[in-house]
Amino acid sequence: MAVGDVCLFQIRAEEVIVHFPVQHAADFGTTPPLLSSRPDYNRRSLEALRVCAGECWPGDLFVMATDAFAAWFLHQVESGERPWQCLAGLTEDTFTALVTSLRQEGVMRNDDVTLVLGWAAD
């Protein structure tokens, strides 16, 4: 289930097979549905709730990222690039340098950024 500004990408055999919940880089906005302490806001967020189910195979890569990074990632995919290739082996320092560079180049919005990588095990 997706609520908030996090997107999930599943990569198999050098191809993105899932991008959830946003389907196109142009679909990112600045007000994602979030959970709030305000019940009226939560009603709107729950209406925007999205659900996805599927399967994973050994070796599948999962990329979970907040919206600013996810928008850049999906734009790269739509342009025929493989942005996941630069993510393997990232350290905290190289991740910070990557985010800083993308912001300075103007290709990623200056927003909070979180990235989680995971590989499906055998």
N, C-alpha and C. Protein backbone atom coordinates (compact mmCIF):
# COMPACT_ATOMS: atom_id res chain seq x y z
N MET A 1 0.85 -1.17 0.00
CA MET A 1 0.00 0.00 0.00
C MET A 1 0.89 1.23 0.00
N ALA A 2 0.43 2.25 -0.65
CA ALA A 2 1.21 3.48 -0.72
C ALA A 2 0.39 4.65 -0.20
N VAL A 3 0.94 5.32 0.78
CA VAL A 3 0.42 6.59 1.26
C VAL A 3 1.64 7.44 1.53
N GLY A 4 1.66 8.64 1.02
CA GLY A 4 2.80 9.51 1.28
C GLY A 4 3.63 9.73 0.04
N ASP A 5 4.89 10.05 0.27
CA ASP A 5 5.73 10.46 -0.85
C ASP A 5 6.78 9.43 -1.21
N VAL A 6 6.54 8.16 -0.89
CA VAL A 6 7.51 7.11 -1.20
C VAL A 6 7.05 6.32 -2.41
N CYS A 7 8.02 6.01 -3.28
CA CYS A 7 7.75 5.21 -4.48
C CYS A 7 8.62 3.97 -4.44
N LEU A 8 8.12 2.91 -5.06
CA LEU A 8 8.83 1.64 -5.12
C LEU A 8 9.08 1.29 -6.58
N PHE A 9 10.31 0.87 -6.85
CA PHE A 9 10.68 0.39 -8.18
C PHE A 9 11.22 -1.02 -8.03
N GLN A 10 10.81 -1.90 -8.93
CA GLN A 10 11.33 -3.26 -8.95
C GLN A 10 12.05 -3.44 -10.28
N ILE A 11 13.32 -3.83 -10.20
CA ILE A 11 14.14 -3.99 -11.39
C ILE A 11 14.51 -5.46 -11.52
N ARG A 12 14.28 -6.00 -12.71
CA ARG A 12 14.63 -7.40 -13.00
C ARG A 12 15.30 -7.43 -14.36
N ALA A 13 16.45 -8.07 -14.43
CA ALA A 13 17.17 -8.23 -15.70
C ALA A 13 17.34 -6.89 -16.41
N GLU A 14 17.78 -5.88 -15.64
CA GLU A 14 18.07 -4.54 -16.19
C GLU A 14 16.85 -3.83 -16.77
N GLU A 15 15.67 -4.17 -16.25
CA GLU A 15 14.43 -3.51 -16.70
C GLU A 15 13.55 -3.22 -15.49
N VAL A 16 12.98 -2.02 -15.46
CA VAL A 16 12.02 -1.68 -14.40
C VAL A 16 10.71 -2.37 -14.74
N ILE A 17 10.29 -3.28 -13.87
CA ILE A 17 9.04 -3.98 -14.13
C ILE A 17 7.89 -3.45 -13.28
N VAL A 18 8.21 -2.70 -12.22
CA VAL A 18 7.19 -2.07 -11.37
C VAL A 18 7.68 -0.69 -10.99
N HIS A 19 6.80 0.29 -11.13
CA HIS A 19 7.02 1.60 -10.52
C HIS A 19 5.69 1.98 -9.91
N PHE A 20 5.71 2.13 -8.59
CA PHE A 20 4.46 2.25 -7.83
C PHE A 20 4.61 3.28 -6.72
N PRO A 21 3.64 4.12 -6.50
CA PRO A 21 2.36 4.25 -7.18
C PRO A 21 2.37 5.18 -8.39
N VAL A 22 3.42 5.96 -8.55
CA VAL A 22 3.47 6.91 -9.66
C VAL A 22 3.92 6.20 -10.93
N GLN A 23 3.23 6.47 -12.03
CA GLN A 23 3.53 5.79 -13.28
C GLN A 23 4.42 6.60 -14.23
N HIS A 24 4.40 7.93 -14.10
CA HIS A 24 5.17 8.79 -15.00
C HIS A 24 5.81 9.91 -14.19
N ALA A 25 7.02 10.30 -14.58
CA ALA A 25 7.73 11.36 -13.86
C ALA A 25 6.91 12.64 -13.81
N ALA A 26 6.14 12.92 -14.85
CA ALA A 26 5.33 14.14 -14.90
C ALA A 26 4.19 14.12 -13.88
N ASP A 27 3.89 12.96 -13.30
CA ASP A 27 2.78 12.83 -12.36
C ASP A 27 3.13 13.26 -10.93
N PHE A 28 4.42 13.53 -10.67
CA PHE A 28 4.80 13.93 -9.33
C PHE A 28 4.32 15.35 -9.06
N GLY A 29 3.75 15.54 -7.87
CA GLY A 29 3.32 16.86 -7.45
C GLY A 29 4.05 17.24 -6.18
N THR A 30 3.60 18.30 -5.56
CA THR A 30 4.25 18.76 -4.33
C THR A 30 3.41 18.49 -3.09
N THR A 31 2.23 17.90 -3.27
CA THR A 31 1.38 17.60 -2.11
C THR A 31 0.89 16.16 -2.15
N PRO A 32 1.77 15.20 -1.83
CA PRO A 32 1.34 13.80 -1.83
C PRO A 32 0.37 13.54 -0.68
N PRO A 33 -0.45 12.50 -0.81
CA PRO A 33 -1.33 12.14 0.30
C PRO A 33 -0.49 11.63 1.47
N LEU A 34 -0.66 12.22 2.62
CA LEU A 34 0.11 11.85 3.81
C LEU A 34 -0.83 11.53 4.96
N LEU A 35 -0.36 10.77 5.92
CA LEU A 35 -1.13 10.55 7.13
C LEU A 35 -0.91 11.74 8.05
N SER A 36 -1.98 12.17 8.69
CA SER A 36 -1.94 13.41 9.46
C SER A 36 -2.63 13.21 10.80
N SER A 37 -2.44 14.16 11.68
CA SER A 37 -3.18 14.16 12.93
C SER A 37 -4.58 14.75 12.73
N ARG A 38 -4.84 15.27 11.52
CA ARG A 38 -6.15 15.86 11.21
C ARG A 38 -7.03 14.82 10.49
N PRO A 39 -8.13 14.39 11.10
CA PRO A 39 -8.99 13.37 10.49
C PRO A 39 -9.50 13.75 9.10
N ASP A 40 -9.82 15.03 8.86
CA ASP A 40 -10.32 15.42 7.54
C ASP A 40 -9.25 15.21 6.47
N TYR A 41 -8.00 15.49 6.80
CA TYR A 41 -6.92 15.27 5.84
C TYR A 41 -6.70 13.78 5.59
N ASN A 42 -6.82 12.98 6.64
CA ASN A 42 -6.66 11.54 6.49
C ASN A 42 -7.73 10.94 5.60
N ARG A 43 -8.96 11.45 5.65
CA ARG A 43 -10.01 10.94 4.76
C ARG A 43 -9.60 11.12 3.31
N ARG A 44 -9.05 12.28 2.96
CA ARG A 44 -8.58 12.52 1.59
C ARG A 44 -7.41 11.60 1.26
N SER A 45 -6.51 11.40 2.21
CA SER A 45 -5.36 10.54 1.97
C SER A 45 -5.79 9.10 1.75
N LEU A 46 -6.74 8.63 2.53
CA LEU A 46 -7.20 7.25 2.37
C LEU A 46 -7.90 7.05 1.04
N GLU A 47 -8.54 8.08 0.51
CA GLU A 47 -9.14 7.98 -0.82
C GLU A 47 -8.07 7.82 -1.89
N ALA A 48 -6.87 8.33 -1.63
CA ALA A 48 -5.77 8.24 -2.59
C ALA A 48 -4.91 7.00 -2.39
N LEU A 49 -5.25 6.17 -1.42
CA LEU A 49 -4.49 4.96 -1.12
C LEU A 49 -4.40 4.07 -2.35
N ARG A 50 -3.22 3.56 -2.65
CA ARG A 50 -3.01 2.67 -3.78
C ARG A 50 -2.46 1.34 -3.27
N VAL A 51 -2.83 0.26 -3.93
CA VAL A 51 -2.39 -1.07 -3.55
C VAL A 51 -1.77 -1.75 -4.76
N CYS A 52 -0.69 -2.46 -4.52
CA CYS A 52 0.00 -3.18 -5.59
C CYS A 52 0.42 -4.54 -5.04
N ALA A 53 0.29 -5.56 -5.84
CA ALA A 53 0.73 -6.89 -5.45
C ALA A 53 1.49 -7.51 -6.62
N GLY A 54 2.38 -8.40 -6.32
CA GLY A 54 3.14 -9.06 -7.38
C GLY A 54 4.05 -10.10 -6.78
N GLU A 55 5.04 -10.48 -7.53
CA GLU A 55 6.00 -11.46 -7.05
C GLU A 55 7.40 -10.98 -7.32
N CYS A 56 8.33 -11.53 -6.57
CA CYS A 56 9.72 -11.20 -6.84
C CYS A 56 10.49 -12.48 -7.10
N TRP A 57 11.53 -12.31 -7.87
CA TRP A 57 12.41 -13.43 -8.20
C TRP A 57 13.77 -13.17 -7.57
N PRO A 58 14.53 -14.21 -7.32
CA PRO A 58 15.88 -14.01 -6.79
C PRO A 58 16.66 -13.04 -7.69
N GLY A 59 17.32 -12.10 -7.05
CA GLY A 59 18.11 -11.13 -7.80
C GLY A 59 17.38 -9.85 -8.16
N ASP A 60 16.06 -9.82 -8.00
CA ASP A 60 15.33 -8.58 -8.26
C ASP A 60 15.85 -7.49 -7.32
N LEU A 61 15.99 -6.30 -7.85
CA LEU A 61 16.40 -5.15 -7.05
C LEU A 61 15.17 -4.32 -6.75
N PHE A 62 15.01 -3.92 -5.50
CA PHE A 62 13.94 -3.02 -5.10
C PHE A 62 14.55 -1.70 -4.68
N VAL A 63 14.04 -0.63 -5.25
CA VAL A 63 14.47 0.72 -4.92
C VAL A 63 13.26 1.43 -4.34
N MET A 64 13.38 1.87 -3.10
CA MET A 64 12.31 2.65 -2.48
C MET A 64 12.89 4.03 -2.18
N ALA A 65 12.20 5.06 -2.68
CA ALA A 65 12.74 6.41 -2.56
C ALA A 65 11.62 7.41 -2.35
N THR A 66 11.95 8.48 -1.64
CA THR A 66 10.98 9.56 -1.49
C THR A 66 10.87 10.32 -2.81
N ASP A 67 9.85 11.17 -2.90
CA ASP A 67 9.42 11.70 -4.19
C ASP A 67 10.46 12.45 -5.00
N ALA A 68 11.30 13.27 -4.39
CA ALA A 68 12.27 14.03 -5.19
C ALA A 68 13.22 13.08 -5.91
N PHE A 69 13.76 12.11 -5.17
CA PHE A 69 14.67 11.15 -5.79
C PHE A 69 13.92 10.24 -6.76
N ALA A 70 12.73 9.81 -6.39
CA ALA A 70 11.93 8.93 -7.25
C ALA A 70 11.57 9.62 -8.56
N ALA A 71 11.26 10.91 -8.53
CA ALA A 71 10.94 11.64 -9.76
C ALA A 71 12.16 11.68 -10.68
N TRP A 72 13.34 11.95 -10.11
CA TRP A 72 14.57 11.93 -10.92
C TRP A 72 14.78 10.53 -11.50
N PHE A 73 14.65 9.51 -10.66
CA PHE A 73 14.86 8.12 -11.06
C PHE A 73 13.94 7.76 -12.22
N LEU A 74 12.65 8.05 -12.08
CA LEU A 74 11.69 7.69 -13.11
C LEU A 74 11.92 8.49 -14.39
N HIS A 75 12.30 9.74 -14.27
CA HIS A 75 12.64 10.53 -15.47
C HIS A 75 13.81 9.90 -16.21
N GLN A 76 14.81 9.44 -15.48
CA GLN A 76 15.95 8.76 -16.10
C GLN A 76 15.49 7.50 -16.83
N VAL A 77 14.63 6.72 -16.19
CA VAL A 77 14.12 5.49 -16.81
C VAL A 77 13.37 5.83 -18.09
N GLU A 78 12.53 6.86 -18.04
CA GLU A 78 11.75 7.26 -19.23
C GLU A 78 12.66 7.75 -20.35
N SER A 79 13.85 8.20 -20.01
CA SER A 79 14.81 8.68 -21.01
C SER A 79 15.71 7.55 -21.52
N GLY A 80 15.44 6.32 -21.08
CA GLY A 80 16.22 5.18 -21.55
C GLY A 80 17.46 4.89 -20.73
N GLU A 81 17.63 5.60 -19.63
CA GLU A 81 18.79 5.39 -18.75
C GLU A 81 18.51 4.27 -17.75
N ARG A 82 19.55 3.84 -17.08
CA ARG A 82 19.45 2.82 -16.02
C ARG A 82 20.02 3.40 -14.73
N PRO A 83 19.25 4.26 -14.06
CA PRO A 83 19.78 4.97 -12.89
C PRO A 83 20.15 4.06 -11.73
N TRP A 84 19.60 2.88 -11.68
CA TRP A 84 19.93 1.95 -10.58
C TRP A 84 21.38 1.50 -10.64
N GLN A 85 22.01 1.61 -11.80
CA GLN A 85 23.40 1.16 -11.93
C GLN A 85 24.37 2.01 -11.10
N CYS A 86 24.02 3.27 -10.87
CA CYS A 86 24.90 4.13 -10.08
C CYS A 86 24.62 4.02 -8.58
N LEU A 87 23.64 3.21 -8.20
CA LEU A 87 23.28 3.12 -6.79
C LEU A 87 23.99 2.00 -6.03
N ALA A 88 24.42 0.97 -6.74
CA ALA A 88 25.10 -0.15 -6.07
C ALA A 88 26.40 0.36 -5.46
N GLY A 89 26.64 -0.02 -4.23
CA GLY A 89 27.88 0.35 -3.57
C GLY A 89 27.91 1.75 -2.99
N LEU A 90 26.76 2.43 -2.98
CA LEU A 90 26.74 3.77 -2.40
C LEU A 90 27.05 3.71 -0.90
N THR A 91 27.79 4.69 -0.47
CA THR A 91 28.01 4.89 0.95
C THR A 91 27.24 6.15 1.33
N GLU A 92 27.20 6.47 2.60
CA GLU A 92 26.52 7.70 3.01
C GLU A 92 27.15 8.91 2.32
N ASP A 93 28.46 8.93 2.23
CA ASP A 93 29.15 10.07 1.60
C ASP A 93 28.88 10.16 0.10
N THR A 94 28.94 9.01 -0.60
CA THR A 94 28.71 9.07 -2.05
C THR A 94 27.24 9.35 -2.37
N PHE A 95 26.34 8.88 -1.50
CA PHE A 95 24.92 9.20 -1.68
C PHE A 95 24.68 10.69 -1.50
N THR A 96 25.27 11.27 -0.47
CA THR A 96 25.15 12.71 -0.24
C THR A 96 25.71 13.48 -1.42
N ALA A 97 26.85 13.05 -1.94
CA ALA A 97 27.45 13.72 -3.10
C ALA A 97 26.56 13.61 -4.33
N LEU A 98 25.95 12.45 -4.54
CA LEU A 98 25.04 12.26 -5.68
C LEU A 98 23.85 13.20 -5.57
N VAL A 99 23.21 13.23 -4.41
CA VAL A 99 22.04 14.09 -4.22
C VAL A 99 22.42 15.56 -4.41
N THR A 100 23.54 15.97 -3.84
CA THR A 100 24.01 17.35 -3.98
C THR A 100 24.24 17.69 -5.44
N SER A 101 24.87 16.80 -6.16
CA SER A 101 25.14 17.02 -7.58
C SER A 101 23.85 17.13 -8.39
N LEU A 102 22.90 16.24 -8.14
CA LEU A 102 21.63 16.27 -8.87
C LEU A 102 20.87 17.56 -8.60
N ARG A 103 20.92 18.03 -7.36
CA ARG A 103 20.26 19.30 -7.01
C ARG A 103 20.96 20.47 -7.71
N GLN A 104 22.29 20.49 -7.68
CA GLN A 104 23.04 21.58 -8.30
C GLN A 104 22.83 21.63 -9.80
N GLU A 105 22.67 20.46 -10.42
CA GLU A 105 22.41 20.39 -11.86
C GLU A 105 20.98 20.78 -12.20
N GLY A 106 20.14 20.89 -11.18
CA GLY A 106 18.75 21.25 -11.41
C GLY A 106 17.89 20.13 -11.93
N VAL A 107 18.36 18.89 -11.78
CA VAL A 107 17.58 17.75 -12.28
C VAL A 107 16.82 17.03 -11.16
N MET A 108 17.02 17.49 -9.92
CA MET A 108 16.27 16.95 -8.81
C MET A 108 15.86 18.09 -7.89
N ARG A 109 14.60 18.05 -7.51
CA ARG A 109 14.05 19.07 -6.62
C ARG A 109 14.76 19.03 -5.26
N ASN A 110 14.93 20.19 -4.67
CA ASN A 110 15.55 20.28 -3.35
C ASN A 110 14.49 19.96 -2.30
N ASP A 111 14.46 18.71 -1.88
CA ASP A 111 13.48 18.20 -0.93
C ASP A 111 14.18 17.13 -0.11
N ASP A 112 13.51 16.69 0.95
CA ASP A 112 14.09 15.60 1.73
C ASP A 112 14.25 14.37 0.82
N VAL A 113 15.30 13.61 1.07
CA VAL A 113 15.58 12.44 0.23
C VAL A 113 15.91 11.25 1.12
N THR A 114 15.19 10.17 0.86
CA THR A 114 15.48 8.89 1.50
C THR A 114 15.52 7.83 0.42
N LEU A 115 16.48 6.93 0.54
CA LEU A 115 16.64 5.86 -0.44
C LEU A 115 16.92 4.56 0.30
N VAL A 116 16.20 3.50 -0.07
CA VAL A 116 16.43 2.16 0.48
C VAL A 116 16.57 1.22 -0.70
N LEU A 117 17.62 0.42 -0.69
CA LEU A 117 17.85 -0.59 -1.73
C LEU A 117 17.75 -1.97 -1.10
N GLY A 118 17.17 -2.91 -1.84
CA GLY A 118 17.09 -4.29 -1.36
C GLY A 118 17.07 -5.25 -2.52
N TRP A 119 17.71 -6.39 -2.33
CA TRP A 119 17.73 -7.42 -3.35
C TRP A 119 16.98 -8.64 -2.84
N ALA A 120 16.19 -9.24 -3.72
CA ALA A 120 15.47 -10.47 -3.37
C ALA A 120 16.47 -11.61 -3.26
N ALA A 121 16.38 -12.36 -2.20
CA ALA A 121 17.31 -13.47 -1.95
C ALA A 121 16.84 -14.73 -2.65
N ASP A 122 17.76 -15.67 -2.77
CA ASP A 122 17.43 -16.98 -3.38
C ASP A 122 16.49 -17.75 -2.49
